[in-house]
């Protein structure tokens, strides 16, 4: 089993909600890298390594995704599809 922290992709348009998640991770000493995106299109671009997220060294594949369902541009349910 690999002991390296995974990348967690947080897709949340409400900055206050994203901050709550970040603070909870920090207080729980979660060592994972948290990447925050604010809309569904950016999430799709990230997981498909397109546009500004095409470099896997800068945008590593996430091991987990925390996805809001009501997002601008592309809804979270459409991201899941």
Protein backbone atom coordinates (compact mmCIF):
# COMPACT_ATOMS: atom_id res chain seq x y z
CA UNK A 1 0.00 0.00 0.00
CA UNK A 2 1.27 3.47 -0.92
CA UNK A 3 1.64 5.81 2.07
CA UNK A 4 1.78 8.97 -0.03
CA UNK A 5 -1.16 11.33 0.41
CA UNK A 6 -3.69 11.38 -2.39
CA UNK A 7 -4.90 14.52 -4.12
CA UNK A 8 -8.43 15.49 -3.14
CA UNK A 9 -10.34 17.59 -5.64
CA UNK A 10 -12.91 19.85 -3.97
CA UNK A 11 -15.47 21.27 -6.41
CA UNK A 12 -17.44 23.88 -4.50
CA UNK A 13 -18.67 27.26 -5.71
CA UNK A 14 -19.43 28.62 -2.23
CA UNK A 15 -16.10 29.91 -0.91
CA UNK A 16 -17.31 29.77 2.71
CA UNK A 17 -18.18 26.07 2.33
CA UNK A 18 -14.82 25.36 0.74
CA UNK A 19 -13.09 27.12 3.62
CA UNK A 20 -15.01 24.98 6.13
CA UNK A 21 -13.78 21.84 4.37
CA UNK A 22 -10.21 23.15 4.27
CA UNK A 23 -10.24 24.07 7.97
CA UNK A 24 -11.71 20.71 8.96
CA UNK A 25 -9.06 18.88 6.98
CA UNK A 26 -6.38 21.03 8.60
CA UNK A 27 -7.71 20.55 12.15
CA UNK A 28 -7.97 16.80 11.54
CA UNK A 29 -4.40 16.82 10.25
CA UNK A 30 -5.39 15.38 6.90
CA UNK A 31 -2.11 15.34 4.98
CA UNK A 32 -3.69 15.16 1.55
CA UNK A 33 -3.28 17.92 -1.00
CA UNK A 34 -6.60 19.72 -1.48
CA UNK A 35 -7.26 21.33 -4.86
CA UNK A 36 -10.27 23.65 -4.96
CA UNK A 37 -12.23 24.41 -8.13
CA UNK A 38 -15.38 26.50 -8.28
CA UNK A 39 -17.39 25.18 -11.23
CA UNK A 40 -18.31 21.99 -13.00
CA UNK A 41 -16.55 22.83 -16.26
CA UNK A 42 -13.26 23.32 -14.43
CA UNK A 43 -13.79 19.96 -12.73
CA UNK A 44 -14.32 18.24 -16.08
CA UNK A 45 -11.27 19.96 -17.53
CA UNK A 46 -9.20 18.90 -14.53
CA UNK A 47 -10.14 15.21 -14.54
CA UNK A 48 -9.79 15.06 -18.35
CA UNK A 49 -6.48 16.98 -18.21
CA UNK A 50 -7.63 19.63 -20.66
CA UNK A 51 -6.86 23.32 -21.02
CA UNK A 52 -4.94 24.79 -18.11
CA UNK A 53 -4.95 21.37 -16.40
CA UNK A 54 -3.16 19.47 -19.17
CA UNK A 55 0.12 19.09 -17.25
CA UNK A 56 -0.17 16.13 -14.84
CA UNK A 57 2.82 17.42 -12.87
CA UNK A 58 0.87 20.58 -12.01
CA UNK A 59 -2.58 18.97 -11.96
CA UNK A 60 -2.14 15.42 -10.65
CA UNK A 61 -5.04 13.00 -10.96
CA UNK A 62 -7.29 13.10 -7.90
CA UNK A 63 -7.68 10.09 -5.65
CA UNK A 64 -10.99 11.45 -4.36
CA UNK A 65 -13.45 14.12 -5.47
CA UNK A 66 -15.76 16.10 -3.19
CA UNK A 67 -18.39 17.45 -5.56
CA UNK A 68 -21.12 19.99 -4.92
CA UNK A 69 -24.21 19.15 -6.96
CA UNK A 70 -25.36 22.70 -7.68
CA UNK A 71 -22.53 24.34 -9.59
CA UNK A 72 -22.19 27.09 -12.19
CA UNK A 73 -21.39 26.33 -15.84
CA UNK A 74 -21.83 22.54 -15.59
CA UNK A 75 -24.04 21.15 -12.81
CA UNK A 76 -22.51 18.57 -10.46
CA UNK A 77 -24.95 15.90 -11.64
CA UNK A 78 -23.76 16.45 -15.21
CA UNK A 79 -20.16 16.17 -14.03
CA UNK A 80 -21.03 12.76 -12.58
CA UNK A 81 -22.51 11.63 -15.90
